[in-house]
Every structure is written in C-alpha cells, then in structure tokens.
Amino acid sequence: MVSYQLRLTSIDYALKRYVASDQYESEDLSLGDAVSDYLRDSVAVLMKELRNLQTKHPTFGVFGAEITLFRLPHALDTARMLSNRGLLLEVLPILRLCLEMMAWSNSAFYLQKEEDVIALKAQSCISELKKVHRNVGKIYGYLSTFSHWGHVIHGQFLDITPENVGVLTASVRYRARTLALCLVILDVLIEVVRNLYAEKSDILIAAVQGILDRNSDRRTHQMLSSVAELTRLNELFEIQTFLD
C-alpha cells in the first residue's frame, strides 16, 4: 500500500525512507522524520525569538499582530503532528489558518487606530502579504481548494476500482505532501518576521534558515527540494514552486 501510494517499486525502500525509522535497526532518520524534526525545532526557535522581538510599548495594532504571531507556531506544530499521522484533509485547513494569521498580523502591525484593527479581515489582507512573499496568492488558493467541503475533495481520499470503492484516511504520501506544505508556511512566516522586524530578526532567521539571504540555500527550500526529488510526485513538484 505504501509503495503503491508513492509509486515506488520497492516496498522496503518506501518504508525505509518515509515510514517510522524505528522499524529498522539502522539509526538513520528517514527524510520524513528529518523534515518533521526540523519543523519541531524551528517552532521552538520561533517561540523563543518571537518573545524576544516583542515591542515594549506597542500600539493596539502591534500588540494584536505580535500576540497573533506568537500563537502561530503552536498551530504550525499541530499541523506537523497531524502530518506525521499521515493525514491530509485535517491538516490543510490549519495551514490555511496559519496563512491568514500571518496576513492579518502583517497588516495590523502598521495600523494606528483601534477601530481599524478591529475591523481588519484576514482574507482581505492576503493581497498585501504578496508584497512579502510573492507566491502567497498561489499558496492560499491551493489551501483554500481543500478547506471547503465539495466534490473536488472526494478524489483526495477515494480509491476507486471496477470492483469497489475504498476510503483512504491516512497514507505516507499524504505525510510527504503535508510536511512539504508545513515547510512552505514556515518559509512565509520567516519572511513576515523579516518584513516586520528587519535586522532585529536576524538571529531568528539564521537559526531557522541557516542563512540570512532568501535564496535556494535556505533550509526550507533545500528540504522541500529533497522531498520533491525523492518522491518524484507531481503534487510535490507543484508545492516546490511555491518557494521559487
């Protein structure tokens, strides 16, 4: 089943690279485990450094933005844990929420009037977030497709054969896909932090990405590229383009 879902020729290869590493005597982590560990460690860094970046005497807008950003890593970590269970439809709405939280924070941070902050709608802030990360529109559209129930979603969990119809609740292929999307959301979050705090965010950025420049050597990009190249799945190559 694992090998079939990944379109890989060897069941042993699929298990070794994507399923729990403790099924083997080798201590080497699977790529999926390495991505998950990176996301988990990045959440810890974010929780610490976002607290250090908080403004001492914030305006109403800054206060709202900063408490939203501080809450966001927990949501991302929840998505990571559900991804590790091989879930898909349960993960994507959380990641969409994360994107809306970032968009709202990015706009609220610059608002002075309390009434303007209260009236701010996350969905209307997505276009402004495109100035921070140019592929935000594509990412939001992708996540939105699977965040509202409809016929288009059915194909994501149905396995139809001439004899019967099976319902797929979790798979290793889902895990690869959702962990990749977690990397995308983390990448956007780093750029939002960079936009709001400029050079003050250098410690956070370097700790998460390994470098300060936003190029193909940053960790989110490297890890997502590795997942796409290993799986050779069309959906992973599509997700990879979100970090171009």
Protein backbone atom coordinates (compact mmCIF):
# COMPACT_ATOMS: atom_id res chain seq x y z
CA MET A 1 0.00 0.00 0.00
CA VAL A 2 2.80 2.42 0.92
CA SER A 3 4.75 1.57 -2.20
CA TYR A 4 1.64 1.86 -4.37
CA GLN A 5 0.68 5.26 -2.98
CA LEU A 6 4.20 6.61 -3.55
CA ARG A 7 4.54 4.95 -6.97
CA LEU A 8 7.77 3.40 -5.80
CA THR A 9 8.99 -0.01 -6.97
CA SER A 10 10.27 -1.27 -3.63
CA ILE A 11 8.15 -1.61 -0.51
CA ASP A 12 11.33 -1.81 1.55
CA TYR A 13 12.58 1.45 0.04
CA ALA A 14 9.28 3.20 0.71
CA LEU A 15 9.26 2.09 4.33
CA LYS A 16 12.88 2.96 4.96
CA ARG A 17 12.65 6.47 3.55
CA TYR A 18 9.18 7.52 4.67
CA VAL A 19 7.78 5.42 7.47
CA ALA A 20 8.99 5.20 11.07
CA SER A 21 12.74 4.72 11.20
CA ASP A 22 12.48 2.53 14.31
CA GLN A 23 11.17 -0.30 12.12
CA TYR A 24 14.78 -0.78 11.05
CA GLU A 25 17.92 -1.47 13.02
CA SER A 26 19.65 1.47 11.35
CA GLU A 27 19.63 4.68 13.37
CA ASP A 28 19.43 6.82 10.25
CA LEU A 29 16.39 9.07 10.16
CA SER A 30 14.02 8.89 7.23
CA LEU A 31 13.69 12.08 5.23
CA GLY A 32 10.16 12.49 6.59
CA ASP A 33 11.47 12.28 10.13
CA ALA A 34 14.23 14.78 9.35
CA VAL A 35 11.70 17.28 7.98
CA SER A 36 9.43 16.78 10.97
CA ASP A 37 12.32 17.26 13.41
CA TYR A 38 13.38 20.43 11.60
CA LEU A 39 9.86 21.83 11.82
CA ARG A 40 9.62 20.94 15.51
CA ASP A 41 12.96 22.59 16.29
CA SER A 42 12.00 25.66 14.25
CA VAL A 43 8.81 26.03 16.30
CA ALA A 44 10.91 26.08 19.47
CA VAL A 45 13.16 28.76 17.99
CA LEU A 46 10.17 30.82 16.93
CA MET A 47 8.57 30.68 20.36
CA LYS A 48 11.76 31.91 21.98
CA GLU A 49 12.82 34.56 19.49
CA LEU A 50 9.35 35.99 18.82
CA ARG A 51 9.09 36.68 22.54
CA ASN A 52 12.44 38.48 22.38
CA LEU A 53 11.22 40.60 19.46
CA GLN A 54 8.03 41.78 21.13
CA THR A 55 7.65 45.56 21.31
CA LYS A 56 7.90 47.09 24.79
CA HIS A 57 5.25 49.77 24.32
CA PRO A 58 3.13 48.54 21.41
CA THR A 59 0.26 50.26 19.70
CA PHE A 60 -3.03 48.38 19.56
CA GLY A 61 -2.17 47.11 16.10
CA VAL A 62 1.34 45.98 17.03
CA PHE A 63 0.01 44.25 20.14
CA GLY A 64 -2.58 42.33 18.11
CA ALA A 65 -0.04 41.41 15.46
CA GLU A 66 2.53 40.18 17.96
CA ILE A 67 0.19 38.02 20.02
CA THR A 68 -1.11 36.51 16.77
CA LEU A 69 2.39 35.72 15.56
CA PHE A 70 3.27 34.27 18.97
CA ARG A 71 0.26 31.93 18.74
CA LEU A 72 1.06 30.86 15.19
CA PRO A 73 3.96 28.40 15.83
CA HIS A 74 1.65 26.28 18.00
CA ALA A 75 -0.81 25.97 15.12
CA LEU A 76 2.02 25.04 12.76
CA ASP A 77 3.27 22.40 15.19
CA THR A 78 -0.22 20.95 15.43
CA ALA A 79 -0.25 20.65 11.63
CA ARG A 80 3.14 18.92 11.80
CA MET A 81 1.91 16.35 14.32
CA LEU A 82 -1.18 15.58 12.25
CA SER A 83 1.02 15.31 9.17
CA ASN A 84 3.06 12.65 10.94
CA ARG A 85 -0.13 10.62 11.30
CA GLY A 86 -0.44 10.61 7.52
CA LEU A 87 -3.45 12.93 7.44
CA LEU A 88 -4.27 15.37 4.65
CA LEU A 89 -7.74 16.91 4.81
CA GLU A 90 -7.37 17.62 8.53
CA VAL A 91 -4.03 19.42 8.05
CA LEU A 92 -4.74 21.81 5.19
CA PRO A 93 -7.33 24.00 6.97
CA ILE A 94 -4.86 24.53 9.81
CA LEU A 95 -2.19 25.67 7.37
CA ARG A 96 -4.70 27.98 5.70
CA LEU A 97 -5.46 29.43 9.12
CA CYS A 98 -1.72 29.97 9.67
CA LEU A 99 -1.51 31.91 6.42
CA GLU A 100 -4.48 34.08 7.38
CA MET A 101 -2.92 34.76 10.79
CA MET A 102 0.27 35.93 9.09
CA ALA A 103 -1.63 38.09 6.62
CA TRP A 104 -3.66 39.72 9.40
CA SER A 105 -0.56 40.35 11.54
CA ASN A 106 1.36 41.80 8.62
CA SER A 107 -1.38 44.39 8.09
CA ALA A 108 -2.39 45.05 11.71
CA PHE A 109 1.21 45.78 12.69
CA TYR A 110 1.08 49.11 10.83
CA LEU A 111 -2.39 50.26 11.89
CA GLN A 112 -2.66 53.01 14.49
CA LYS A 113 -6.40 53.23 15.15
CA GLU A 114 -8.06 50.62 17.33
CA GLU A 115 -11.20 50.59 15.23
CA ASP A 116 -9.18 49.84 12.09
CA VAL A 117 -7.54 46.85 13.75
CA ILE A 118 -10.88 45.51 14.98
CA ALA A 119 -12.42 45.84 11.52
CA LEU A 120 -9.49 44.11 9.78
CA LYS A 121 -10.40 40.87 7.97
CA ALA A 122 -7.72 38.27 7.35
CA GLN A 123 -8.93 37.35 3.87
CA SER A 124 -8.63 40.96 2.72
CA CYS A 125 -5.00 41.05 3.91
CA ILE A 126 -3.77 38.28 1.60
CA SER A 127 -3.08 40.64 -1.30
CA GLU A 128 -0.89 42.82 0.92
CA LEU A 129 1.04 39.75 2.04
CA LYS A 130 2.01 39.12 -1.59
CA LYS A 131 4.48 42.01 -1.23
CA VAL A 132 6.29 39.97 1.41
CA HIS A 133 6.14 36.57 -0.29
CA ARG A 134 5.20 36.68 -3.96
CA ASN A 135 3.62 33.22 -4.10
CA VAL A 136 1.18 33.78 -1.23
CA GLY A 137 -1.77 34.03 -3.64
CA LYS A 138 -0.97 30.61 -5.12
CA ILE A 139 -0.45 29.08 -1.69
CA TYR A 140 -3.72 30.48 -0.35
CA GLY A 141 -5.61 29.31 -3.41
CA TYR A 142 -4.14 25.82 -3.11
CA LEU A 143 -5.03 25.51 0.58
CA SER A 144 -8.49 27.01 0.06
CA THR A 145 -9.35 24.35 -2.51
CA PHE A 146 -9.18 21.71 0.20
CA SER A 147 -10.50 23.77 3.09
CA HIS A 148 -14.14 23.84 1.95
CA TRP A 149 -16.03 20.60 1.51
CA GLY A 150 -17.13 19.77 -2.01
CA HIS A 151 -16.94 17.24 -4.82
CA VAL A 152 -13.42 18.32 -5.78
CA ILE A 153 -12.14 16.92 -2.46
CA HIS A 154 -13.59 13.45 -2.90
CA GLY A 155 -10.81 12.35 -5.20
CA GLN A 156 -8.29 13.04 -2.46
CA PHE A 157 -9.46 10.13 -0.31
CA LEU A 158 -11.29 7.71 -2.60
CA ASP A 159 -9.58 4.71 -4.23
CA ILE A 160 -11.93 3.58 -6.97
CA THR A 161 -11.58 0.26 -8.79
CA PRO A 162 -14.03 -1.61 -11.04
CA GLU A 163 -14.90 -3.87 -8.09
CA ASN A 164 -15.24 -1.44 -5.19
CA VAL A 165 -14.56 1.96 -3.67
CA GLY A 166 -12.09 2.35 -0.83
CA VAL A 167 -11.75 5.26 1.59
CA LEU A 168 -8.20 6.29 2.36
CA THR A 169 -7.91 8.06 5.72
CA ALA A 170 -4.13 8.30 6.01
CA SER A 171 -1.07 7.49 3.92
CA VAL A 172 2.65 8.05 3.68
CA ARG A 173 2.01 10.03 0.51
CA TYR A 174 -0.24 12.40 2.47
CA ARG A 175 2.54 12.77 5.03
CA ALA A 176 5.06 13.82 2.40
CA ARG A 177 2.60 16.32 0.94
CA THR A 178 1.54 17.96 4.19
CA LEU A 179 5.03 18.14 5.67
CA ALA A 180 6.08 19.88 2.46
CA LEU A 181 3.27 22.38 2.91
CA CYS A 182 4.34 22.95 6.52
CA LEU A 183 7.75 23.92 5.14
CA VAL A 184 6.06 26.40 2.81
CA ILE A 185 4.12 28.00 5.66
CA LEU A 186 7.29 28.23 7.74
CA ASP A 187 9.06 29.91 4.83
CA VAL A 188 6.31 32.53 4.56
CA LEU A 189 6.37 33.11 8.32
CA ILE A 190 10.10 33.82 8.26
CA GLU A 191 9.56 36.45 5.56
CA VAL A 192 6.76 38.09 7.55
CA VAL A 193 9.04 38.32 10.58
CA ARG A 194 11.80 39.76 8.38
CA ASN A 195 9.39 42.35 7.00
CA LEU A 196 8.13 43.44 10.41
CA TYR A 197 11.38 43.49 12.36
CA ALA A 198 14.12 43.99 9.72
CA GLU A 199 17.64 43.35 11.07
CA LYS A 200 16.28 42.68 14.57
CA SER A 201 15.05 39.35 13.23
CA ASP A 202 18.48 38.19 12.01
CA ILE A 203 19.04 35.81 14.92
CA LEU A 204 15.68 34.13 14.37
CA ILE A 205 16.13 33.87 10.61
CA ALA A 206 19.65 32.46 10.83
CA ALA A 207 18.57 29.91 13.44
CA VAL A 208 15.72 28.63 11.27
CA GLN A 209 17.08 29.02 7.74
CA GLY A 210 20.81 28.65 8.35
CA ILE A 211 21.45 31.81 6.33
CA LEU A 212 20.09 35.34 6.23
CA ASP A 213 19.60 35.66 2.49
CA ARG A 214 16.42 34.36 0.90
CA ASN A 215 17.93 32.12 -1.75
CA SER A 216 17.89 28.44 -2.68
CA ASP A 217 20.41 27.64 0.07
CA ARG A 218 17.90 28.34 2.86
CA ARG A 219 16.82 25.23 4.77
CA THR A 220 13.14 25.32 3.90
CA HIS A 221 13.99 25.39 0.20
CA GLN A 222 16.62 22.66 0.45
CA MET A 223 14.39 20.31 2.42
CA LEU A 224 11.39 20.78 0.16
CA SER A 225 13.58 20.21 -2.91
CA SER A 226 14.90 16.98 -1.36
CA VAL A 227 11.37 15.69 -0.71
CA ALA A 228 10.24 16.54 -4.24
CA GLU A 229 13.26 14.90 -5.83
CA LEU A 230 12.98 11.75 -3.73
CA THR A 231 9.25 11.17 -4.23
CA ARG A 232 9.05 12.40 -7.84
CA LEU A 233 5.38 13.12 -7.19
CA ASN A 234 3.65 15.78 -9.29
CA GLU A 235 1.95 17.32 -6.25
CA LEU A 236 5.31 17.73 -4.53
CA PHE A 237 6.83 19.44 -7.56
CA GLU A 238 3.84 21.80 -7.59
CA ILE A 239 4.36 22.62 -3.91
CA GLN A 240 8.05 23.14 -4.57
CA THR A 241 7.23 26.01 -6.94
CA PHE A 242 5.68 27.91 -4.01
CA LEU A 243 9.21 28.62 -2.73
CA ASP A 244 10.64 29.87 -6.04
